[in-house]
Protein backbone atom coordinates (compact mmCIF):
# COMPACT_ATOMS: atom_id res chain seq x y z
CA UNK A 1 69.99 115.04 86.81
CA UNK A 2 70.11 116.75 90.27
CA UNK A 3 73.59 116.95 91.79
CA UNK A 4 72.57 119.10 94.66
CA UNK A 5 73.58 117.58 97.95
CA UNK A 6 70.50 116.87 99.93
CA UNK A 7 70.38 115.69 103.76
CA UNK A 8 67.90 113.58 105.51
CA UNK A 9 65.81 114.89 108.31
CA UNK A 10 68.03 112.89 110.93
CA UNK A 11 71.06 114.30 109.32
CA UNK A 12 69.39 117.92 109.56
CA UNK A 13 68.71 117.40 113.33
CA UNK A 14 72.38 116.56 113.84
CA UNK A 15 73.27 119.65 112.06
CA UNK A 16 71.02 121.55 114.18
CA UNK A 17 72.55 119.79 117.33
CA UNK A 18 76.11 120.78 116.12
CA UNK A 19 75.34 124.49 115.21
CA UNK A 20 73.58 124.83 118.64
CA UNK A 21 76.58 123.42 120.30
CA UNK A 22 79.01 125.68 118.51
CA UNK A 23 76.90 128.80 119.43
CA UNK A 24 76.96 127.66 122.87
CA UNK A 25 80.65 126.79 123.40
CA UNK A 26 82.81 128.70 120.95
CA UNK A 27 84.71 131.45 122.61
CA UNK A 28 84.04 134.87 121.12
CA UNK A 29 86.87 135.92 118.90
CA UNK A 30 88.60 132.66 118.78
CA UNK A 31 88.54 132.66 114.91
CA UNK A 32 90.01 136.17 114.25
CA UNK A 33 93.57 136.64 113.24
CA UNK A 34 95.90 137.22 116.25
CA UNK A 35 97.19 140.75 116.56
CA UNK A 36 100.68 140.08 118.13
CA UNK A 37 103.00 137.19 119.20
CA UNK A 38 101.48 137.26 122.82
CA UNK A 39 97.94 137.07 121.24
CA UNK A 40 98.91 134.16 119.16
CA UNK A 41 99.96 132.12 122.13
CA UNK A 42 96.87 132.91 123.82
CA UNK A 43 94.70 131.98 120.90
CA UNK A 44 96.65 128.79 120.67
CA UNK A 45 95.62 128.06 124.39
CA UNK A 46 92.00 129.05 123.71
CA UNK A 47 91.95 126.71 120.50
CA UNK A 48 93.53 123.64 122.64
CA UNK A 49 90.87 124.31 125.40
CA UNK A 50 88.25 124.36 122.57
CA UNK A 51 89.60 121.26 121.09
CA UNK A 52 89.39 119.20 124.69
CA UNK A 53 85.81 120.24 124.68
CA UNK A 54 85.18 118.96 121.18
CA UNK A 55 87.23 115.77 122.14
CA UNK A 56 84.81 115.21 125.13
CA UNK A 57 82.06 115.01 122.50
CA UNK A 58 83.90 112.69 120.07
CA UNK A 59 84.00 115.56 117.59
CA UNK A 60 87.72 116.35 117.67
CA UNK A 61 88.30 113.27 115.53
CA UNK A 62 84.70 112.25 114.61
CA UNK A 63 85.81 109.30 112.32
CA UNK A 64 88.12 107.56 114.84
CA UNK A 65 86.83 104.70 116.88
CA UNK A 66 84.87 105.26 119.67
CA UNK A 67 87.09 102.53 121.62
CA UNK A 68 89.95 104.75 121.49
CA UNK A 69 88.26 108.16 122.27
CA UNK A 70 87.14 109.12 118.78
CA UNK A 71 83.61 109.87 117.79
CA UNK A 72 82.76 106.73 115.61
CA UNK A 73 80.59 108.93 113.40
CA UNK A 74 79.66 108.00 109.81
CA UNK A 75 81.01 109.98 106.96
CA UNK A 76 77.61 111.69 106.50
CA UNK A 77 77.75 113.16 110.08
CA UNK A 78 81.50 114.13 109.92
CA UNK A 79 80.99 115.94 106.76
CA UNK A 80 78.05 117.92 108.55
CA UNK A 81 80.42 118.48 111.57
CA UNK A 82 83.07 119.68 109.18
CA UNK A 83 80.74 121.98 107.35
CA UNK A 84 79.45 123.47 110.52
CA UNK A 85 83.16 124.04 111.79
CA UNK A 86 83.92 125.68 108.33
CA UNK A 87 80.93 127.86 108.87
CA UNK A 88 82.36 129.53 111.97
CA UNK A 89 85.73 129.60 110.64
CA UNK A 90 87.36 126.44 112.13
CA UNK A 91 88.89 123.42 111.05
CA UNK A 92 88.93 120.02 112.79
CA UNK A 93 91.10 119.77 115.03
CA UNK A 94 91.07 123.65 115.47
CA UNK A 95 94.86 123.37 115.87
CA UNK A 96 97.49 121.70 113.79
CA UNK A 97 98.04 118.34 114.90
CA UNK A 98 100.26 116.33 112.71
CA UNK A 99 100.26 113.17 115.19
CA UNK A 100 96.31 113.17 115.03
CA UNK A 101 96.08 113.15 111.25
CA UNK A 102 99.05 111.13 110.52
CA UNK A 103 100.69 109.54 113.61
CA UNK A 104 97.36 108.43 115.01
CA UNK A 105 96.54 106.67 111.75
CA UNK A 106 99.76 104.91 111.92
CA UNK A 107 99.10 103.67 115.27
CA UNK A 108 95.69 102.62 114.47
CA UNK A 109 96.73 100.53 111.58
CA UNK A 110 99.92 99.21 112.76
CA UNK A 111 100.26 99.52 116.41
CA UNK A 112 99.70 97.12 119.15
CA UNK A 113 96.50 97.07 121.38
CA UNK A 114 98.74 98.26 124.11
CA UNK A 115 100.07 101.13 121.87
CA UNK A 116 96.65 102.01 120.70
CA UNK A 117 95.29 102.27 124.30
CA UNK A 118 98.30 104.42 125.36
CA UNK A 119 98.33 106.73 122.58
CA UNK A 120 95.10 107.17 120.72
CA UNK A 121 92.69 108.41 123.56
CA UNK A 122 94.90 111.53 124.50
CA UNK A 123 95.19 112.59 120.88
CA UNK A 124 91.47 111.98 120.08
CA UNK A 125 90.42 113.77 122.87
CA UNK A 126 92.80 116.70 122.72
CA UNK A 127 94.67 116.04 125.83
CA UNK A 128 97.70 115.66 123.72
CA UNK A 129 99.03 117.46 120.54
CA UNK A 130 101.77 115.98 118.67
CA UNK A 131 104.33 117.35 115.72
CA UNK A 132 106.27 115.31 113.53
CA UNK A 133 110.17 115.45 112.93
CA UNK A 134 110.64 113.54 109.70
CA UNK A 135 112.48 115.88 107.25
CA UNK A 136 116.34 116.04 107.75
CA UNK A 137 118.98 117.76 105.76
CA UNK A 138 119.65 115.01 103.47
CA UNK A 139 115.92 113.41 103.41
CA UNK A 140 112.99 115.40 102.48
CA UNK A 141 109.99 113.51 101.27
CA UNK A 142 111.91 110.43 100.69
CA UNK A 143 112.22 109.03 104.20
CA UNK A 144 114.13 105.97 103.24
CA UNK A 145 116.93 108.68 103.11
CA UNK A 146 116.69 109.40 106.79
CA UNK A 147 119.98 109.27 108.68
CA UNK A 148 119.00 109.74 112.18
CA UNK A 149 119.76 106.70 114.11
CA UNK A 150 117.97 105.02 117.09
CA UNK A 151 120.22 102.44 118.48
CA UNK A 152 118.82 100.35 121.31
CA UNK A 153 121.01 100.09 124.56
CA UNK A 154 119.44 97.89 127.11
CA UNK A 155 115.61 98.94 127.57
CA UNK A 156 116.12 102.16 125.77
CA UNK A 157 117.03 103.71 122.41
CA UNK A 158 119.80 106.48 121.95
CA UNK A 159 118.68 108.75 119.30
CA UNK A 160 121.49 110.61 117.26
CA UNK A 161 120.94 112.99 114.28
CA UNK A 162 119.44 116.04 112.91
CA UNK A 163 115.92 116.91 111.88
CA UNK A 164 114.81 120.12 110.47
CA UNK A 165 111.34 122.13 109.50
CA UNK A 166 110.09 121.93 113.19
CA UNK A 167 107.62 124.50 112.36
CA UNK A 168 104.79 123.94 114.96
CA UNK A 169 106.73 122.45 117.98
CA UNK A 170 105.52 125.03 120.41
CA UNK A 171 102.62 123.70 122.44
CA UNK A 172 103.28 119.98 121.16
CA UNK A 173 103.08 117.59 124.11
CA UNK A 174 104.79 114.67 122.01
CA UNK A 175 106.85 114.49 119.10
CA UNK A 176 106.89 111.72 116.45
CA UNK A 177 109.74 110.71 114.30
CA UNK A 178 111.24 108.18 112.10
CA UNK A 179 114.81 106.92 112.71
CA UNK A 180 117.18 104.13 111.45
CA UNK A 181 117.04 101.18 113.98
CA UNK A 182 119.08 98.73 111.76
CA UNK A 183 121.80 100.58 109.97
CA UNK A 184 122.78 97.24 108.22
CA UNK A 185 119.25 96.22 106.90
CA UNK A 186 117.72 97.23 103.45
CA UNK A 187 116.47 100.66 103.01
CA UNK A 188 112.77 100.90 103.45
CA UNK A 189 113.15 97.91 106.09
CA UNK A 190 115.39 99.51 108.49
CA UNK A 191 113.32 102.42 109.93
CA UNK A 192 111.17 102.50 113.02
CA UNK A 193 108.77 104.97 114.20
CA UNK A 194 108.89 106.54 117.95
CA UNK A 195 106.79 108.87 119.99
CA UNK A 196 108.73 110.95 122.22
CA UNK A 197 107.60 113.08 125.12
CA UNK A 198 108.28 116.88 123.87
CA UNK A 199 109.73 117.72 127.27
């Protein structure tokens, strides 16, 4: 039995297209390790700019629906795209974006159509990068232990609490978090998800 992965001629044409695009658009030196803190910040800016180029092609979040700015690609083409990105030393997206990987999936499944149209296209096209604020001093992986509250006052929520492990917040445009919106309700049923402008 042959377990070697094979690709159709059409898939190989897509690979050639991706490889040529990377060769034409990948900034020189973008994948080398940063030499200093200043270099790290400059590299981050380059990766964000490159991410926007990928987003314009639908390749930043290739499997995400086209209707919301994703690529709408099938699994085979997404694998080829990932293989070619890996070949040049990149991941997709080329910067860490927990909102794109986790938050956007949450919006796609449970968000209203208005929320999908507002939040997903900027993430999928690389215009917005998000970071999560989930962990608290008393709540790690068990998010039912979250103590931060978000109490509605009129048309706004007032958020009070403490989040920790904010490890990649520089350069984030939005922050997504979970907070208790109904302190009297059952655990697992009393939290809500918030997207907050990072500024």
